Amino acid sequence: MSDPTSAPRRLPDGVEDPVGLAARLEEHGYLADEGLATAAYLALALRRPLFLEGDAGVGKTAIAQALADVLDAPLIRLQCYEGIDASQALYDWNFPRQVLHLRTAEAAGRVEVAGEDRAAVAEALEAELYDRRFLVARPLLQALEAEHAVLLIDEVDRADDEFEALLLEVLSEFSVTVPELGTIRPGTPPVVVLTSNRTREVHDALKRRCYYHWVDHPSFEREVAIVRSRMPGVGEELARQVVAAVQLLREQDLLKPPGVAETLDWSEALVALGADHLDADVATRTLGSVLKFREDQERAREMELGPKVARAVAGDG
């Protein structure tokens, strides 16, 4: 049997190169820069997982959804956390259904036999209990069993070393072995996107299996374009002011610098208030949209954002 991971991936119409992919992503509301578009294109063309690392809120998770839209494939998400194990990521057995099946067999009198027949019945019942219908597929197995899918393994840096080893095994072979059922292999391996906020270093072995890209905060003009694309109700002036303020905040020594997600949240809050520009008063009143720590908010209030934003917008634009 030929290895499905070695065959070239058939890409959607218009995705002949990174520029084409960037254009298709933009159609679905994601504005990727040249570096990210190239990384995503090569990951698709070479059938390699795409490993995206960067600060929280820079759009790592969002590109997985955009790729799913471009490929017209379902997005299957595995959210990593401390202590996650194989049963939560791969599969588990539906114990209540297995017990119900056993009780149903008892009620039907199937277990009330003796001698050699009893042993045969017990063996048959055990085989039935570990039938595929009692297997609960978790995200990794769901992605392998799907005809085509985008698998997002989100915040892999939150998991532990043992889970990384499991991921490395699954992503190297694109198969899962269930002892009671055998090995499950996909006809077409899923597109895989892994993200990390770099709360700890992910092992080199897993990174080597992937195509790696560091996702940085966007430039001023690109972030303005992202705001205008995602939120058409935000005017040009307000968008430039909000982005200037956010980028000024990122330069400060904050506990949690704001990402693009916070830029969008702040813009949404200002539109909800009917604001058409960002002044010192409205900026102070809406800091809860962009800064989530009291210490960060106090530092922002001390900055006199209004005048600094005006100067930043004039200088950038």
C-alpha atoms as a PDB file:
ATOM      1  CA  MET A   1       0.000   0.000   0.000  1.00  0.00           C
ATOM      2  CA  SER A   2       1.343   3.445  -0.902  1.00  0.00           C
ATOM      3  CA  ASP A   3       2.035   5.914   1.884  1.00  0.00           C
ATOM      4  CA  PRO A   4      -0.680   8.608   1.790  1.00  0.00           C
ATOM      5  CA  THR A   5       1.704  11.114   3.350  1.00  0.00           C
ATOM      6  CA  SER A   6       4.128  10.860   0.433  1.00  0.00           C
ATOM      7  CA  ALA A   7       1.668  11.781  -2.322  1.00  0.00           C
ATOM      8  CA  PRO A   8       1.478  15.454  -3.340  1.00  0.00           C
ATOM      9  CA  ARG A   9      -1.456  17.271  -1.773  1.00  0.00           C
ATOM     10  CA  ARG A  10      -4.096  18.554  -4.154  1.00  0.00           C
ATOM     11  CA  LEU A  11      -4.525  22.223  -3.309  1.00  0.00           C
ATOM     12  CA  PRO A  12      -7.656  24.289  -4.002  1.00  0.00           C
ATOM     13  CA  ASP A  13      -7.986  26.299  -7.189  1.00  0.00           C
ATOM     14  CA  GLY A  14      -6.027  29.545  -7.005  1.00  0.00           C
ATOM     15  CA  VAL A  15      -3.540  28.215  -4.438  1.00  0.00           C
ATOM     16  CA  GLU A  16      -0.598  27.573  -6.769  1.00  0.00           C
ATOM     17  CA  ASP A  17       1.825  29.597  -4.630  1.00  0.00           C
ATOM     18  CA  PRO A  18       2.003  31.545  -1.346  1.00  0.00           C
ATOM     19  CA  VAL A  19       0.520  34.638  -2.998  1.00  0.00           C
ATOM     20  CA  GLY A  20      -2.493  32.629  -4.103  1.00  0.00           C
ATOM     21  CA  LEU A  21      -2.949  31.198  -0.614  1.00  0.00           C
ATOM     22  CA  ALA A  22      -2.689  34.659   0.948  1.00  0.00           C
ATOM     23  CA  ALA A  23      -5.402  35.882  -1.425  1.00  0.00           C
ATOM     24  CA  ARG A  24      -7.692  32.965  -0.543  1.00  0.00           C
ATOM     25  CA  LEU A  25      -7.096  33.501   3.175  1.00  0.00           C
ATOM     26  CA  GLU A  26      -7.971  37.167   2.752  1.00  0.00           C
ATOM     27  CA  GLU A  27     -11.270  36.138   1.132  1.00  0.00           C
ATOM     28  CA  HIS A  28     -12.074  34.442   4.433  1.00  0.00           C
ATOM     29  CA  GLY A  29     -11.071  37.413   6.577  1.00  0.00           C
ATOM     30  CA  TYR A  30      -7.486  36.478   7.457  1.00  0.00           C
ATOM     31  CA  LEU A  31      -4.731  38.851   6.354  1.00  0.00           C
ATOM     32  CA  ALA A  32      -1.486  36.856   6.353  1.00  0.00           C
ATOM     33  CA  ASP A  33       1.861  38.487   5.739  1.00  0.00           C
ATOM     34  CA  GLU A  34       4.306  37.066   3.202  1.00  0.00           C
ATOM     35  CA  GLY A  35       6.206  34.942   5.736  1.00  0.00           C
ATOM     36  CA  LEU A  36       3.123  33.303   7.237  1.00  0.00           C
ATOM     37  CA  ALA A  37       1.528  32.704   3.833  1.00  0.00           C
ATOM     38  CA  THR A  38       4.722  31.021   2.636  1.00  0.00           C
ATOM     39  CA  ALA A  39       4.929  28.839   5.754  1.00  0.00           C
ATOM     40  CA  ALA A  40       1.294  27.768   5.423  1.00  0.00           C
ATOM     41  CA  TYR A  41       1.678  27.049   1.703  1.00  0.00           C
ATOM     42  CA  LEU A  42       4.780  24.902   2.220  1.00  0.00           C
ATOM     43  CA  ALA A  43       3.137  23.013   5.076  1.00  0.00           C
ATOM     44  CA  LEU A  44       0.215  22.210   2.777  1.00  0.00           C
ATOM     45  CA  ALA A  45       2.315  21.339  -0.273  1.00  0.00           C
ATOM     46  CA  LEU A  46       4.837  19.233   1.648  1.00  0.00           C
ATOM     47  CA  ARG A  47       2.223  17.536   3.857  1.00  0.00           C
ATOM     48  CA  ARG A  48       3.946  18.655   7.032  1.00  0.00           C
ATOM     49  CA  PRO A  49       2.338  19.935  10.234  1.00  0.00           C
ATOM     50  CA  LEU A  50       2.555  23.701  10.601  1.00  0.00           C
ATOM     51  CA  PHE A  51       4.024  24.757  13.952  1.00  0.00           C
ATOM     52  CA  LEU A  52       3.170  28.366  14.825  1.00  0.00           C
ATOM     53  CA  GLU A  53       4.782  30.016  17.811  1.00  0.00           C
ATOM     54  CA  GLY A  54       4.303  33.544  19.078  1.00  0.00           C
ATOM     55  CA  ASP A  55       2.690  35.743  21.704  1.00  0.00           C
ATOM     56  CA  ALA A  56      -0.930  35.188  22.618  1.00  0.00           C
ATOM     57  CA  GLY A  57      -3.428  36.992  20.404  1.00  0.00           C
ATOM     58  CA  VAL A  58      -1.363  37.311  17.218  1.00  0.00           C
ATOM     59  CA  GLY A  59      -3.670  35.134  15.091  1.00  0.00           C
ATOM     60  CA  LYS A  60      -2.148  31.650  15.395  1.00  0.00           C
ATOM     61  CA  THR A  61      -5.452  29.942  16.133  1.00  0.00           C
ATOM     62  CA  ALA A  62      -7.392  32.021  13.631  1.00  0.00           C
ATOM     63  CA  ILE A  63      -5.310  30.856  10.675  1.00  0.00           C
ATOM     64  CA  ALA A  64      -6.349  27.247  11.352  1.00  0.00           C
ATOM     65  CA  GLN A  65     -10.000  28.240  10.940  1.00  0.00           C
ATOM     66  CA  ALA A  66      -9.145  30.273   7.831  1.00  0.00           C
ATOM     67  CA  LEU A  67      -7.290  27.296   6.316  1.00  0.00           C
ATOM     68  CA  ALA A  68     -10.288  25.092   7.049  1.00  0.00           C
ATOM     69  CA  ASP A  69     -12.497  27.586   5.210  1.00  0.00           C
ATOM     70  CA  VAL A  70     -10.118  27.750   2.235  1.00  0.00           C
ATOM     71  CA  LEU A  71      -9.899  23.945   2.046  1.00  0.00           C
ATOM     72  CA  ASP A  72     -13.646  23.524   2.682  1.00  0.00           C
ATOM     73  CA  ALA A  73     -12.797  21.117   5.495  1.00  0.00           C
ATOM     74  CA  PRO A  74     -14.047  20.790   9.073  1.00  0.00           C
ATOM     75  CA  LEU A  75     -11.858  22.222  11.818  1.00  0.00           C
ATOM     76  CA  ILE A  76     -11.180  19.734  14.623  1.00  0.00           C
ATOM     77  CA  ARG A  77      -9.625  21.356  17.682  1.00  0.00           C
ATOM     78  CA  LEU A  78      -7.585  19.735  20.427  1.00  0.00           C
ATOM     79  CA  GLN A  79      -7.081  22.212  23.275  1.00  0.00           C
ATOM     80  CA  CYS A  80      -3.994  21.246  25.251  1.00  0.00           C
ATOM     81  CA  TYR A  81      -3.686  21.722  28.994  1.00  0.00           C
ATOM     82  CA  GLU A  82      -1.554  20.470  31.856  1.00  0.00           C
ATOM     83  CA  GLY A  83      -2.249  16.786  32.513  1.00  0.00           C
ATOM     84  CA  ILE A  84      -3.907  15.979  29.180  1.00  0.00           C
ATOM     85  CA  ASP A  85      -3.421  12.313  28.288  1.00  0.00           C
ATOM     86  CA  ALA A  86      -4.077   9.831  25.490  1.00  0.00           C
ATOM     87  CA  SER A  87      -7.654   9.049  26.524  1.00  0.00           C
ATOM     88  CA  GLN A  88      -8.586  12.722  26.202  1.00  0.00           C
ATOM     89  CA  ALA A  89      -6.750  13.249  22.922  1.00  0.00           C
ATOM     90  CA  LEU A  90      -7.013   9.900  21.071  1.00  0.00           C
ATOM     91  CA  TYR A  91      -9.900   7.713  22.191  1.00  0.00           C
ATOM     92  CA  ASP A  92     -11.685   6.204  25.143  1.00  0.00           C
ATOM     93  CA  TRP A  93     -14.170   3.402  25.637  1.00  0.00           C
ATOM     94  CA  ASN A  94     -17.796   4.258  26.386  1.00  0.00           C
ATOM     95  CA  PHE A  95     -18.031   2.393  29.680  1.00  0.00           C
ATOM     96  CA  PRO A  96     -21.748   3.143  30.395  1.00  0.00           C
ATOM     97  CA  ARG A  97     -22.754   1.794  26.960  1.00  0.00           C
ATOM     98  CA  GLN A  98     -20.603  -1.283  27.476  1.00  0.00           C
ATOM     99  CA  VAL A  99     -22.289  -1.970  30.839  1.00  0.00           C
ATOM    100  CA  LEU A 100     -25.717  -1.438  29.283  1.00  0.00           C
ATOM    101  CA  HIS A 101     -24.879  -3.874  26.507  1.00  0.00           C
ATOM    102  CA  LEU A 102     -23.744  -6.462  29.058  1.00  0.00           C
ATOM    103  CA  ARG A 103     -26.930  -6.061  31.107  1.00  0.00           C
ATOM    104  CA  THR A 104     -29.007  -6.376  27.965  1.00  0.00           C
ATOM    105  CA  ALA A 105     -27.220  -9.631  27.185  1.00  0.00           C
ATOM    106  CA  GLU A 106     -27.913 -10.849  30.716  1.00  0.00           C
ATOM    107  CA  ALA A 107     -31.574  -9.945  30.404  1.00  0.00           C
ATOM    108  CA  ALA A 108     -31.753 -11.902  27.162  1.00  0.00           C
ATOM    109  CA  GLY A 109     -30.307 -14.951  28.926  1.00  0.00           C
ATOM    110  CA  ARG A 110     -27.132 -15.039  26.834  1.00  0.00           C
ATOM    111  CA  VAL A 111     -24.858 -15.481  29.854  1.00  0.00           C
ATOM    112  CA  GLU A 112     -26.954 -18.148  31.579  1.00  0.00           C
ATOM    113  CA  VAL A 113     -25.244 -21.113  29.975  1.00  0.00           C
ATOM    114  CA  ALA A 114     -22.804 -23.691  31.314  1.00  0.00           C
ATOM    115  CA  GLY A 115     -19.680 -25.583  30.337  1.00  0.00           C
ATOM    116  CA  GLU A 116     -17.910 -24.971  27.080  1.00  0.00           C
ATOM    117  CA  ASP A 117     -20.816 -22.934  25.765  1.00  0.00           C
ATOM    118  CA  ARG A 118     -20.400 -20.474  28.641  1.00  0.00           C
ATOM    119  CA  ALA A 119     -16.757 -19.857  27.723  1.00  0.00           C
ATOM    120  CA  ALA A 120     -17.657 -19.305  24.088  1.00  0.00           C
ATOM    121  CA  VAL A 121     -20.441 -16.893  25.000  1.00  0.00           C
ATOM    122  CA  ALA A 122     -18.115 -14.973  27.345  1.00  0.00           C
ATOM    123  CA  GLU A 123     -15.521 -14.640  24.591  1.00  0.00           C
ATOM    124  CA  ALA A 124     -18.147 -13.445  22.129  1.00  0.00           C
ATOM    125  CA  LEU A 125     -19.483 -10.896  24.632  1.00  0.00           C
ATOM    126  CA  GLU A 126     -16.000  -9.563  25.314  1.00  0.00           C
ATOM    127  CA  ALA A 127     -15.452  -9.092  21.581  1.00  0.00           C
ATOM    128  CA  GLU A 128     -18.761  -7.233  21.322  1.00  0.00           C
ATOM    129  CA  LEU A 129     -17.867  -4.947  24.224  1.00  0.00           C
ATOM    130  CA  TYR A 130     -14.786  -3.746  22.345  1.00  0.00           C
ATOM    131  CA  ASP A 131     -16.577  -3.154  19.064  1.00  0.00           C
ATOM    132  CA  ARG A 132     -16.054   0.137  17.193  1.00  0.00           C
ATOM    133  CA  ARG A 133     -19.509   1.367  18.208  1.00  0.00           C
ATOM    134  CA  PHE A 134     -18.336   1.606  21.830  1.00  0.00           C
ATOM    135  CA  LEU A 135     -15.206   3.593  20.966  1.00  0.00           C
ATOM    136  CA  VAL A 136     -15.366   7.329  21.688  1.00  0.00           C
ATOM    137  CA  ALA A 137     -13.135   9.141  19.199  1.00  0.00           C
ATOM    138  CA  ARG A 138     -11.324  12.158  20.622  1.00  0.00           C
ATOM    139  CA  PRO A 139      -9.903  14.958  18.403  1.00  0.00           C
ATOM    140  CA  LEU A 140      -6.774  13.142  17.133  1.00  0.00           C
ATOM    141  CA  LEU A 141      -8.721  10.047  16.091  1.00  0.00           C
ATOM    142  CA  GLN A 142     -11.587  12.162  14.740  1.00  0.00           C
ATOM    143  CA  ALA A 143      -9.141  13.961  12.452  1.00  0.00           C
ATOM    144  CA  LEU A 144      -7.623  10.700  11.215  1.00  0.00           C
ATOM    145  CA  GLU A 145     -11.035   9.187  10.505  1.00  0.00           C
ATOM    146  CA  ALA A 146     -12.371  12.262   8.703  1.00  0.00           C
ATOM    147  CA  GLU A 147     -12.255  12.192   4.910  1.00  0.00           C
ATOM    148  CA  HIS A 148     -10.364  15.478   5.039  1.00  0.00           C
ATOM    149  CA  ALA A 149      -9.974  17.837   7.973  1.00  0.00           C
ATOM    150  CA  VAL A 150      -7.860  20.562   9.542  1.00  0.00           C
ATOM    151  CA  LEU A 151      -6.593  19.496  12.966  1.00  0.00           C
ATOM    152  CA  LEU A 152      -5.715  22.342  15.342  1.00  0.00           C
ATOM    153  CA  ILE A 153      -3.533  21.298  18.281  1.00  0.00           C
ATOM    154  CA  ASP A 154      -3.788  24.485  20.296  1.00  0.00           C
ATOM    155  CA  GLU A 155      -1.316  25.663  22.956  1.00  0.00           C
ATOM    156  CA  VAL A 156       0.813  22.533  22.869  1.00  0.00           C
ATOM    157  CA  ASP A 157       3.257  24.230  25.261  1.00  0.00           C
ATOM    158  CA  ARG A 158       0.707  23.750  28.058  1.00  0.00           C
ATOM    159  CA  ALA A 159       0.964  19.950  27.819  1.00  0.00           C
ATOM    160  CA  ASP A 160       3.770  17.860  29.325  1.00  0.00           C
ATOM    161  CA  ASP A 161       6.665  15.904  27.822  1.00  0.00           C
ATOM    162  CA  GLU A 162       4.761  12.608  27.719  1.00  0.00           C
ATOM    163  CA  PHE A 163       1.997  14.163  25.653  1.00  0.00           C
ATOM    164  CA  GLU A 164       4.549  15.640  23.262  1.00  0.00           C
ATOM    165  CA  ALA A 165       5.924  12.129  22.736  1.00  0.00           C
ATOM    166  CA  LEU A 166       2.406  10.900  21.919  1.00  0.00           C
ATOM    167  CA  LEU A 167       1.934  13.705  19.387  1.00  0.00           C
ATOM    168  CA  LEU A 168       5.278  12.948  17.787  1.00  0.00           C
ATOM    169  CA  GLU A 169       4.289   9.307  17.316  1.00  0.00           C
ATOM    170  CA  VAL A 170       0.877  10.118  15.856  1.00  0.00           C
ATOM    171  CA  LEU A 171       2.163  12.869  13.541  1.00  0.00           C
ATOM    172  CA  SER A 172       5.088  10.753  12.340  1.00  0.00           C
ATOM    173  CA  GLU A 173       2.913   7.814  11.258  1.00  0.00           C
ATOM    174  CA  PHE A 174      -0.497   9.471  10.887  1.00  0.00           C
ATOM    175  CA  SER A 175      -2.019   6.357  12.407  1.00  0.00           C
ATOM    176  CA  VAL A 176      -3.485   5.196  15.708  1.00  0.00           C
ATOM    177  CA  THR A 177      -3.356   1.637  17.013  1.00  0.00           C
ATOM    178  CA  VAL A 178      -6.274   0.494  19.149  1.00  0.00           C
ATOM    179  CA  PRO A 179      -5.195  -2.870  20.606  1.00  0.00           C
ATOM    180  CA  GLU A 180      -8.712  -4.316  20.461  1.00  0.00           C
ATOM    181  CA  LEU A 181      -9.409  -3.118  16.901  1.00  0.00           C
ATOM    182  CA  GLY A 182      -6.076  -2.760  15.104  1.00  0.00           C
ATOM    183  CA  THR A 183      -4.402   0.185  13.371  1.00  0.00           C
ATOM    184  CA  ILE A 184      -6.469   3.058  12.006  1.00  0.00           C
ATOM    185  CA  ARG A 185      -4.926   4.990   9.108  1.00  0.00           C
ATOM    186  CA  PRO A 186      -6.507   7.832   7.131  1.00  0.00           C
ATOM    187  CA  GLY A 187      -6.876   7.765   3.374  1.00  0.00           C
ATOM    188  CA  THR A 188      -5.864  11.430   3.375  1.00  0.00           C
ATOM    189  CA  PRO A 189      -3.928  12.727   6.382  1.00  0.00           C
ATOM    190  CA  PRO A 190      -5.392  15.859   7.968  1.00  0.00           C
ATOM    191  CA  VAL A 191      -3.826  19.282   7.657  1.00  0.00           C
ATOM    192  CA  VAL A 192      -2.261  19.868  11.078  1.00  0.00           C
ATOM    193  CA  VAL A 193      -1.644  23.225  12.760  1.00  0.00           C
ATOM    194  CA  LEU A 194       0.106  23.329  16.150  1.00  0.00           C
ATOM    195  CA  THR A 195       0.306  26.523  18.177  1.00  0.00           C
ATOM    196  CA  SER A 196       2.467  27.531  21.126  1.00  0.00           C
ATOM    197  CA  ASN A 197       2.549  30.686  23.246  1.00  0.00           C
ATOM    198  CA  ARG A 198       6.048  29.677  24.352  1.00  0.00           C
ATOM    199  CA  THR A 199       5.226  29.428  28.037  1.00  0.00           C
ATOM    200  CA  ARG A 200       7.865  26.686  27.886  1.00  0.00           C
ATOM    201  CA  GLU A 201      10.135  25.300  25.187  1.00  0.00           C
ATOM    202  CA  VAL A 202       8.653  22.522  23.054  1.00  0.00           C
ATOM    203  CA  HIS A 203      11.111  19.706  22.348  1.00  0.00           C
ATOM    204  CA  ASP A 204      13.150  19.837  19.149  1.00  0.00           C
ATOM    205  CA  ALA A 205      11.942  16.380  18.063  1.00  0.00           C
ATOM    206  CA  LEU A 206       8.380  17.648  17.644  1.00  0.00           C
ATOM    207  CA  LYS A 207       9.471  20.891  15.993  1.00  0.00           C
ATOM    208  CA  ARG A 208      11.649  19.008  13.500  1.00  0.00           C
ATOM    209  CA  ARG A 209       8.593  17.055  12.358  1.00  0.00           C
ATOM    210  CA  CYS A 210       6.862  20.340  11.494  1.00  0.00           C
ATOM    211  CA  TYR A 211       7.332  23.418   9.349  1.00  0.00           C
ATOM    212  CA  TYR A 212       8.085  26.156  11.908  1.00  0.00           C
ATOM    213  CA  HIS A 213       7.085  29.814  11.777  1.00  0.00           C
ATOM    214  CA  TRP A 214       7.238  32.554  14.399  1.00  0.00           C
ATOM    215  CA  VAL A 215       4.125  34.735  14.208  1.00  0.00           C
ATOM    216  CA  ASP A 216       4.937  38.304  15.191  1.00  0.00           C
ATOM    217  CA  HIS A 217       2.619  41.216  15.858  1.00  0.00           C
ATOM    218  CA  PRO A 218       1.552  42.842  12.585  1.00  0.00           C
ATOM    219  CA  SER A 219       2.890  46.134  11.310  1.00  0.00           C
ATOM    220  CA  PHE A 220       0.852  49.302  11.863  1.00  0.00           C
ATOM    221  CA  GLU A 221      -0.704  49.335   8.389  1.00  0.00           C
ATOM    222  CA  ARG A 222      -1.459  45.596   8.409  1.00  0.00           C
ATOM    223  CA  GLU A 223      -3.125  45.791  11.809  1.00  0.00           C
ATOM    224  CA  VAL A 224      -5.263  48.702  10.642  1.00  0.00           C
ATOM    225  CA  ALA A 225      -6.229  46.610   7.610  1.00  0.00           C
ATOM    226  CA  ILE A 226      -7.126  43.684   9.887  1.00  0.00           C
ATOM    227  CA  VAL A 227      -9.410  45.902  11.980  1.00  0.00           C
ATOM    228  CA  ARG A 228     -11.119  47.370   8.894  1.00  0.00           C
ATOM    229  CA  SER A 229     -11.510  43.892   7.361  1.00  0.00           C
ATOM    230  CA  ARG A 230     -12.913  42.198  10.458  1.00  0.00           C
ATOM    231  CA  MET A 231     -14.993  45.185  11.609  1.00  0.00           C
ATOM    232  CA  PRO A 232     -16.306  47.223   8.671  1.00  0.00           C
ATOM    233  CA  GLY A 233     -18.174  49.504  11.092  1.00  0.00           C
ATOM    234  CA  VAL A 234     -14.904  50.962  12.391  1.00  0.00           C
ATOM    235  CA  GLY A 235     -13.869  54.095  10.533  1.00  0.00           C
ATOM    236  CA  GLU A 236     -10.368  54.681   9.208  1.00  0.00           C
ATOM    237  CA  GLU A 237      -9.522  57.349  11.796  1.00  0.00           C
ATOM    238  CA  LEU A 238     -10.721  55.287  14.752  1.00  0.00           C
ATOM    239  CA  ALA A 239      -8.949  52.166  13.472  1.00  0.00           C
ATOM    240  CA  ARG A 240      -5.646  54.023  13.165  1.00  0.00           C
ATOM    241  CA  GLN A 241      -6.019  55.531  16.629  1.00  0.00           C
ATOM    242  CA  VAL A 242      -6.826  52.206  18.283  1.00  0.00           C
ATOM    243  CA  VAL A 243      -3.949  50.425  16.554  1.00  0.00           C
ATOM    244  CA  ALA A 244      -1.552  53.226  17.480  1.00  0.00           C
ATOM    245  CA  ALA A 245      -2.657  52.992  21.123  1.00  0.00           C
ATOM    246  CA  VAL A 246      -2.308  49.205  21.193  1.00  0.00           C
ATOM    247  CA  GLN A 247       1.133  49.302  19.645  1.00  0.00           C
ATOM    248  CA  LEU A 248       2.208  51.920  22.184  1.00  0.00           C
ATOM    249  CA  LEU A 249       0.968  49.637  24.975  1.00  0.00           C
ATOM    250  CA  ARG A 250       2.947  46.717  23.555  1.00  0.00           C
ATOM    251  CA  GLU A 251       6.126  48.747  23.999  1.00  0.00           C
ATOM    252  CA  GLN A 252       5.489  49.069  27.727  1.00  0.00           C
ATOM    253  CA  ASP A 253       6.596  46.632  30.397  1.00  0.00           C
ATOM    254  CA  LEU A 254       3.160  45.069  30.867  1.00  0.00           C
ATOM    255  CA  LEU A 255       2.219  41.794  32.502  1.00  0.00           C
ATOM    256  CA  LYS A 256       0.141  40.890  29.428  1.00  0.00           C
ATOM    257  CA  PRO A 257       0.796  42.974  26.296  1.00  0.00           C
ATOM    258  CA  PRO A 258      -2.308  43.172  24.077  1.00  0.00           C
ATOM    259  CA  GLY A 259      -2.546  41.124  20.896  1.00  0.00           C
ATOM    260  CA  VAL A 260      -4.579  41.596  17.740  1.00  0.00           C
ATOM    261  CA  ALA A 261      -7.549  39.972  19.469  1.00  0.00           C
ATOM    262  CA  GLU A 262      -7.511  42.786  22.036  1.00  0.00           C
ATOM    263  CA  THR A 263      -7.244  45.383  19.265  1.00  0.00           C
ATOM    264  CA  LEU A 264     -10.450  43.992  17.790  1.00  0.00           C
ATOM    265  CA  ASP A 265     -12.144  43.833  21.204  1.00  0.00           C
ATOM    266  CA  TRP A 266     -11.243  47.472  21.912  1.00  0.00           C
ATOM    267  CA  SER A 267     -12.516  48.583  18.510  1.00  0.00           C
ATOM    268  CA  GLU A 268     -15.770  46.710  19.104  1.00  0.00           C
ATOM    269  CA  ALA A 269     -16.225  48.341  22.518  1.00  0.00           C
ATOM    270  CA  LEU A 270     -15.664  51.821  21.090  1.00  0.00           C
ATOM    271  CA  VAL A 271     -18.179  51.231  18.294  1.00  0.00           C
ATOM    272  CA  ALA A 272     -20.698  50.020  20.885  1.00  0.00           C
ATOM    273  CA  LEU A 273     -20.242  53.340  22.713  1.00  0.00           C
ATOM    274  CA  GLY A 274     -20.748  55.298  19.480  1.00  0.00           C
ATOM    275  CA  ALA A 275     -17.198  56.692  19.563  1.00  0.00           C
ATOM    276  CA  ASP A 276     -15.699  57.859  16.279  1.00  0.00           C
ATOM    277  CA  HIS A 277     -12.308  58.733  17.732  1.00  0.00           C
ATOM    278  CA  LEU A 278     -10.134  57.696  20.682  1.00  0.00           C
ATOM    279  CA  ASP A 279      -9.525  60.416  23.239  1.00  0.00           C
ATOM    280  CA  ALA A 280      -8.021  60.173  26.712  1.00  0.00           C
ATOM    281  CA  ASP A 281     -11.392  59.923  28.480  1.00  0.00           C
ATOM    282  CA  VAL A 282     -12.911  57.135  26.369  1.00  0.00           C
ATOM    283  CA  ALA A 283      -9.591  55.291  26.274  1.00  0.00           C
ATOM    284  CA  THR A 284      -9.427  55.260  30.075  1.00  0.00           C
ATOM    285  CA  ARG A 285     -13.038  54.120  30.422  1.00  0.00           C
ATOM    286  CA  THR A 286     -12.605  51.218  28.003  1.00  0.00           C
ATOM    287  CA  LEU A 287      -9.207  49.855  29.069  1.00  0.00           C
ATOM    288  CA  GLY A 288     -10.934  46.690  30.275  1.00  0.00           C
ATOM    289  CA  SER A 289     -11.299  45.638  26.642  1.00  0.00           C
ATOM    290  CA  VAL A 290      -7.567  45.620  25.996  1.00  0.00           C
ATOM    291  CA  LEU A 291      -5.786  45.194  29.337  1.00  0.00           C
ATOM    292  CA  LYS A 292      -6.757  42.411  31.732  1.00  0.00           C
ATOM    293  CA  PHE A 293      -4.550  43.201  34.738  1.00  0.00           C
ATOM    294  CA  ARG A 294      -5.076  46.063  37.187  1.00  0.00           C
ATOM    295  CA  GLU A 295      -1.365  46.866  37.194  1.00  0.00           C
ATOM    296  CA  ASP A 296      -1.363  47.181  33.392  1.00  0.00           C
ATOM    297  CA  GLN A 297      -4.386  49.471  33.458  1.00  0.00           C
ATOM    298  CA  GLU A 298      -2.750  51.727  36.053  1.00  0.00           C
ATOM    299  CA  ARG A 299       0.374  51.974  33.929  1.00  0.00           C
ATOM    300  CA  ALA A 300      -1.710  52.863  30.865  1.00  0.00           C
ATOM    301  CA  ARG A 301      -3.506  55.629  32.774  1.00  0.00           C
ATOM    302  CA  GLU A 302      -0.141  57.117  33.723  1.00  0.00           C
ATOM    303  CA  MET A 303       0.937  57.201  30.058  1.00  0.00           C
ATOM    304  CA  GLU A 304      -1.440  59.974  28.898  1.00  0.00           C
ATOM    305  CA  LEU A 305      -2.479  57.881  25.919  1.00  0.00           C
ATOM    306  CA  GLY A 306      -4.466  60.618  24.177  1.00  0.00           C
ATOM    307  CA  PRO A 307      -1.588  62.937  23.162  1.00  0.00           C
ATOM    308  CA  LYS A 308       0.749  60.010  22.481  1.00  0.00           C
ATOM    309  CA  VAL A 309      -1.799  58.350  20.185  1.00  0.00           C
ATOM    310  CA  ALA A 310      -2.261  61.601  18.253  1.00  0.00           C
ATOM    311  CA  ARG A 311       1.490  61.886  17.729  1.00  0.00           C
ATOM    312  CA  ALA A 312       1.817  58.205  16.789  1.00  0.00           C
ATOM    313  CA  VAL A 313      -0.989  58.431  14.204  1.00  0.00           C
ATOM    314  CA  ALA A 314       0.526  61.571  12.695  1.00  0.00           C
ATOM    315  CA  GLY A 315       3.952  59.961  12.536  1.00  0.00           C
ATOM    316  CA  ASP A 316       2.710  56.685  11.039  1.00  0.00           C
ATOM    317  CA  GLY A 317       0.458  58.058   8.678  1.00  0.00           C
END
